[in-house]
Amino acid sequence: LILPVGDVGEPFIDAGDIADVAVA
């Protein structure tokens, strides 16, 4: 995987969690 990003921390989230929040 080649990307233009270094050691930046990202709090990746599950799309399923987003969907659960939306449904609520």
PDB file of all heavy atoms in Angstrom:
ATOM      1  N   LEU A   1       0.857  -1.179   0.000  1.00  0.00           N
ATOM      2  CA  LEU A   1       0.000   0.000   0.000  1.00  0.00           C
ATOM      3  C   LEU A   1       0.894   1.229   0.000  1.00  0.00           C
ATOM      4  O   LEU A   1       1.693   1.424   0.925  1.00  0.00           O
ATOM      5  CB  LEU A   1      -0.920   0.012   1.215  1.00  0.00           C
ATOM      6  CG  LEU A   1      -1.871   1.213   1.305  1.00  0.00           C
ATOM      7  CD1 LEU A   1      -2.807   1.270   0.100  1.00  0.00           C
ATOM      8  CD2 LEU A   1      -2.662   1.193   2.603  1.00  0.00           C
ATOM      9  N   ILE A   2       0.771   2.052  -1.030  1.00  0.00           N
ATOM     10  CA  ILE A   2       1.578   3.259  -1.183  1.00  0.00           C
ATOM     11  C   ILE A   2       0.678   4.468  -0.973  1.00  0.00           C
ATOM     12  O   ILE A   2      -0.325   4.637  -1.678  1.00  0.00           O
ATOM     13  CB  ILE A   2       2.217   3.319  -2.581  1.00  0.00           C
ATOM     14  CG1 ILE A   2       3.082   2.079  -2.826  1.00  0.00           C
ATOM     15  CG2 ILE A   2       3.035   4.593  -2.742  1.00  0.00           C
ATOM     16  CD1 ILE A   2       3.599   1.972  -4.254  1.00  0.00           C
ATOM     17  N   LEU A   3       1.030   5.311  -0.005  1.00  0.00           N
ATOM     18  CA  LEU A   3       0.229   6.493   0.288  1.00  0.00           C
ATOM     19  C   LEU A   3       1.134   7.663   0.666  1.00  0.00           C
ATOM     20  O   LEU A   3       2.227   7.458   1.218  1.00  0.00           O
ATOM     21  CB  LEU A   3      -0.735   6.225   1.450  1.00  0.00           C
ATOM     22  CG  LEU A   3      -1.889   5.253   1.196  1.00  0.00           C
ATOM     23  CD1 LEU A   3      -2.654   5.027   2.495  1.00  0.00           C
ATOM     24  CD2 LEU A   3      -2.816   5.764   0.107  1.00  0.00           C
ATOM     25  N   PRO A   4       0.690   8.892   0.442  1.00  0.00           N
ATOM     26  CA  PRO A   4       1.484  10.072   0.799  1.00  0.00           C
ATOM     27  C   PRO A   4       1.227  10.512   2.230  1.00  0.00           C
ATOM     28  O   PRO A   4       0.812  11.647   2.497  1.00  0.00           O
ATOM     29  CB  PRO A   4       0.998  11.119  -0.214  1.00  0.00           C
ATOM     30  CG  PRO A   4      -0.441  10.777  -0.408  1.00  0.00           C
ATOM     31  CD  PRO A   4      -0.511   9.278  -0.346  1.00  0.00           C
ATOM     32  N   VAL A   5       1.475   9.624   3.185  1.00  0.00           N
ATOM     33  CA  VAL A   5       1.261   9.938   4.591  1.00  0.00           C
ATOM     34  C   VAL A   5       2.290   9.190   5.427  1.00  0.00           C
ATOM     35  O   VAL A   5       2.660   8.063   5.108  1.00  0.00           O
ATOM     36  CB  VAL A   5      -0.181   9.551   5.026  1.00  0.00           C
ATOM     37  CG1 VAL A   5      -0.426   8.063   4.885  1.00  0.00           C
ATOM     38  CG2 VAL A   5      -0.477  10.024   6.433  1.00  0.00           C
ATOM     39  N   GLY A   6       2.764   9.864   6.483  1.00  0.00           N
ATOM     40  CA  GLY A   6       3.764   9.256   7.340  1.00  0.00           C
ATOM     41  C   GLY A   6       3.175   8.748   8.636  1.00  0.00           C
ATOM     42  O   GLY A   6       2.126   8.104   8.651  1.00  0.00           O
ATOM     43  N   ASP A   7       3.843   9.077   9.736  1.00  0.00           N
ATOM     44  CA  ASP A   7       3.446   8.550  11.043  1.00  0.00           C
ATOM     45  C   ASP A   7       2.404   9.428  11.720  1.00  0.00           C
ATOM     46  O   ASP A   7       2.566   9.852  12.872  1.00  0.00           O
ATOM     47  CB  ASP A   7       4.679   8.405  11.942  1.00  0.00           C
ATOM     48  CG  ASP A   7       5.631   7.341  11.440  1.00  0.00           C
ATOM     49  OD1 ASP A   7       5.147   6.377  10.812  1.00  0.00           O
ATOM     50  OD2 ASP A   7       6.848   7.468  11.657  1.00  0.00           O
ATOM     51  N   VAL A   8       1.338   9.715  11.004  1.00  0.00           N
ATOM     52  CA  VAL A   8       0.228  10.487  11.562  1.00  0.00           C
ATOM     53  C   VAL A   8      -0.785   9.515  12.144  1.00  0.00           C
ATOM     54  O   VAL A   8      -1.206   8.569  11.486  1.00  0.00           O
ATOM     55  CB  VAL A   8      -0.445  11.365  10.485  1.00  0.00           C
ATOM     56  CG1 VAL A   8      -1.669  12.073  11.050  1.00  0.00           C
ATOM     57  CG2 VAL A   8       0.550  12.370   9.939  1.00  0.00           C
ATOM     58  N   GLY A   9      -1.182   9.746  13.390  1.00  0.00           N
ATOM     59  CA  GLY A   9      -2.166   8.882  14.017  1.00  0.00           C
ATOM     60  C   GLY A   9      -3.575   9.274  13.609  1.00  0.00           C
ATOM     61  O   GLY A   9      -3.926  10.453  13.618  1.00  0.00           O
ATOM     62  N   GLU A  10      -4.378   8.298  13.234  1.00  0.00           N
ATOM     63  CA  GLU A  10      -5.775   8.527  12.850  1.00  0.00           C
ATOM     64  C   GLU A  10      -6.658   7.592  13.678  1.00  0.00           C
ATOM     65  O   GLU A  10      -6.380   6.392  13.764  1.00  0.00           O
ATOM     66  CB  GLU A  10      -5.980   8.261  11.361  1.00  0.00           C
ATOM     67  CG  GLU A  10      -7.412   8.333  10.877  1.00  0.00           C
ATOM     68  CD  GLU A  10      -8.029   9.725  10.914  1.00  0.00           C
ATOM     69  OE1 GLU A  10      -7.262  10.708  11.019  1.00  0.00           O
ATOM     70  OE2 GLU A  10      -9.264   9.825  10.836  1.00  0.00           O
ATOM     71  N   PRO A  11      -7.729   8.108  14.276  1.00  0.00           N
ATOM     72  CA  PRO A  11      -8.634   7.260  15.072  1.00  0.00           C
ATOM     73  C   PRO A  11      -9.691   6.604  14.182  1.00  0.00           C
ATOM     74  O   PRO A  11     -10.875   6.913  14.248  1.00  0.00           O
ATOM     75  CB  PRO A  11      -9.250   8.249  16.057  1.00  0.00           C
ATOM     76  CG  PRO A  11      -9.293   9.545  15.315  1.00  0.00           C
ATOM     77  CD  PRO A  11      -8.087   9.539  14.405  1.00  0.00           C
ATOM     78  N   PHE A  12      -9.240   5.705  13.307  1.00  0.00           N
ATOM     79  CA  PHE A  12     -10.136   5.054  12.356  1.00  0.00           C
ATOM     80  C   PHE A  12     -11.393   4.521  13.055  1.00  0.00           C
ATOM     81  O   PHE A  12     -11.332   4.029  14.182  1.00  0.00           O
ATOM     82  CB  PHE A  12      -9.418   3.885  11.668  1.00  0.00           C
ATOM     83  CG  PHE A  12      -8.205   4.287  10.878  1.00  0.00           C
ATOM     84  CD1 PHE A  12      -6.932   4.016  11.354  1.00  0.00           C
ATOM     85  CD2 PHE A  12      -8.332   4.935   9.658  1.00  0.00           C
ATOM     86  CE1 PHE A  12      -5.810   4.368  10.629  1.00  0.00           C
ATOM     87  CE2 PHE A  12      -7.215   5.300   8.925  1.00  0.00           C
ATOM     88  CZ  PHE A  12      -5.947   5.022   9.413  1.00  0.00           C
ATOM     89  N   ILE A  13     -12.535   4.611  12.353  1.00  0.00           N
ATOM     90  CA  ILE A  13     -13.805   4.185  12.928  1.00  0.00           C
ATOM     91  C   ILE A  13     -14.523   3.221  11.993  1.00  0.00           C
ATOM     92  O   ILE A  13     -14.408   3.308  10.767  1.00  0.00           O
ATOM     93  CB  ILE A  13     -14.716   5.394  13.237  1.00  0.00           C
ATOM     94  CG1 ILE A  13     -15.983   4.947  13.971  1.00  0.00           C
ATOM     95  CG2 ILE A  13     -15.054   6.172  11.959  1.00  0.00           C
ATOM     96  CD1 ILE A  13     -16.799   6.074  14.549  1.00  0.00           C
ATOM     97  N   ASP A  14     -15.268   2.312  12.588  1.00  0.00           N
ATOM     98  CA  ASP A  14     -16.052   1.340  11.844  1.00  0.00           C
ATOM     99  C   ASP A  14     -17.269   2.026  11.220  1.00  0.00           C
ATOM    100  O   ASP A  14     -18.029   2.710  11.914  1.00  0.00           O
ATOM    101  CB  ASP A  14     -16.500   0.237  12.806  1.00  0.00           C
ATOM    102  CG  ASP A  14     -17.120  -0.961  12.104  1.00  0.00           C
ATOM    103  OD1 ASP A  14     -17.447  -0.863  10.910  1.00  0.00           O
ATOM    104  OD2 ASP A  14     -17.285  -2.003  12.770  1.00  0.00           O
ATOM    105  N   ALA A  15     -17.477   1.843   9.918  1.00  0.00           N
ATOM    106  CA  ALA A  15     -18.662   2.390   9.264  1.00  0.00           C
ATOM    107  C   ALA A  15     -19.939   1.839   9.884  1.00  0.00           C
ATOM    108  O   ALA A  15     -20.988   2.491   9.850  1.00  0.00           O
ATOM    109  CB  ALA A  15     -18.632   2.083   7.763  1.00  0.00           C
ATOM    110  N   GLY A  16     -19.853   0.649  10.459  1.00  0.00           N
ATOM    111  CA  GLY A  16     -20.998   0.083  11.159  1.00  0.00           C
ATOM    112  C   GLY A  16     -21.370   0.884  12.391  1.00  0.00           C
ATOM    113  O   GLY A  16     -22.562   1.024  12.721  1.00  0.00           O
ATOM    114  N   ASP A  17     -20.381   1.400  13.093  1.00  0.00           N
ATOM    115  CA  ASP A  17     -20.662   2.265  14.247  1.00  0.00           C
ATOM    116  C   ASP A  17     -21.338   3.556  13.800  1.00  0.00           C
ATOM    117  O   ASP A  17     -22.273   4.039  14.459  1.00  0.00           O
ATOM    118  CB  ASP A  17     -19.368   2.591  14.999  1.00  0.00           C
ATOM    119  CG  ASP A  17     -18.862   1.425  15.833  1.00  0.00           C
ATOM    120  OD1 ASP A  17     -19.679   0.576  16.217  1.00  0.00           O
ATOM    121  OD2 ASP A  17     -17.650   1.373  16.099  1.00  0.00           O
ATOM    122  N   ILE A  18     -20.869   4.115  12.697  1.00  0.00           N
ATOM    123  CA  ILE A  18     -21.502   5.328  12.165  1.00  0.00           C
ATOM    124  C   ILE A  18     -22.951   5.037  11.808  1.00  0.00           C
ATOM    125  O   ILE A  18     -23.859   5.826  12.116  1.00  0.00           O
ATOM    126  CB  ILE A  18     -20.733   5.842  10.937  1.00  0.00           C
ATOM    127  CG1 ILE A  18     -19.311   6.260  11.328  1.00  0.00           C
ATOM    128  CG2 ILE A  18     -21.469   7.008  10.282  1.00  0.00           C
ATOM    129  CD1 ILE A  18     -18.422   6.584  10.155  1.00  0.00           C
ATOM    130  N   ALA A  19     -23.190   3.899  11.164  1.00  0.00           N
ATOM    131  CA  ALA A  19     -24.551   3.527  10.787  1.00  0.00           C
ATOM    132  C   ALA A  19     -25.432   3.358  12.019  1.00  0.00           C
ATOM    133  O   ALA A  19     -26.597   3.771  12.022  1.00  0.00           O
ATOM    134  CB  ALA A  19     -24.541   2.242   9.966  1.00  0.00           C
ATOM    135  N   ASP A  20     -24.894   2.772  13.070  1.00  0.00           N
ATOM    136  CA  ASP A  20     -25.678   2.594  14.295  1.00  0.00           C
ATOM    137  C   ASP A  20     -26.064   3.948  14.901  1.00  0.00           C
ATOM    138  O   ASP A  20     -27.186   4.121  15.389  1.00  0.00           O
ATOM    139  CB  ASP A  20     -24.886   1.776  15.318  1.00  0.00           C
ATOM    140  CG  ASP A  20     -24.829   0.296  14.964  1.00  0.00           C
ATOM    141  OD1 ASP A  20     -25.644  -0.158  14.135  1.00  0.00           O
ATOM    142  OD2 ASP A  20     -23.956  -0.410  15.519  1.00  0.00           O
ATOM    143  N   VAL A  21     -25.136   4.896  14.885  1.00  0.00           N
ATOM    144  CA  VAL A  21     -25.436   6.234  15.393  1.00  0.00           C
ATOM    145  C   VAL A  21     -26.509   6.888  14.526  1.00  0.00           C
ATOM    146  O   VAL A  21     -27.456   7.507  15.035  1.00  0.00           O
ATOM    147  CB  VAL A  21     -24.167   7.108  15.429  1.00  0.00           C
ATOM    148  CG1 VAL A  21     -24.516   8.547  15.816  1.00  0.00           C
ATOM    149  CG2 VAL A  21     -23.149   6.535  16.416  1.00  0.00           C
ATOM    150  N   ALA A  22     -26.389   6.740  13.218  1.00  0.00           N
ATOM    151  CA  ALA A  22     -27.368   7.329  12.304  1.00  0.00           C
ATOM    152  C   ALA A  22     -28.758   6.742  12.519  1.00  0.00           C
ATOM    153  O   ALA A  22     -29.755   7.471  12.562  1.00  0.00           O
ATOM    154  CB  ALA A  22     -26.927   7.125  10.856  1.00  0.00           C
ATOM    155  N   VAL A  23     -28.827   5.430  12.675  1.00  0.00           N
ATOM    156  CA  VAL A  23     -30.125   4.774  12.883  1.00  0.00           C
ATOM    157  C   VAL A  23     -30.753   5.248  14.189  1.00  0.00           C
ATOM    158  O   VAL A  23     -31.962   5.516  14.256  1.00  0.00           O
ATOM    159  CB  VAL A  23     -29.968   3.245  12.870  1.00  0.00           C
ATOM    160  CG1 VAL A  23     -31.239   2.561  13.366  1.00  0.00           C
ATOM    161  CG2 VAL A  23     -29.625   2.766  11.454  1.00  0.00           C
ATOM    162  N   ALA A  24     -29.941   5.361  15.222  1.00  0.00           N
ATOM    163  CA  ALA A  24     -30.459   5.867  16.494  1.00  0.00           C
ATOM    164  C   ALA A  24     -31.012   7.273  16.329  1.00  0.00           C
ATOM    165  O   ALA A  24     -32.099   7.597  16.822  1.00  0.00           O
ATOM    166  CB  ALA A  24     -29.359   5.849  17.552  1.00  0.00           C
TER     167      ALA A  24
END
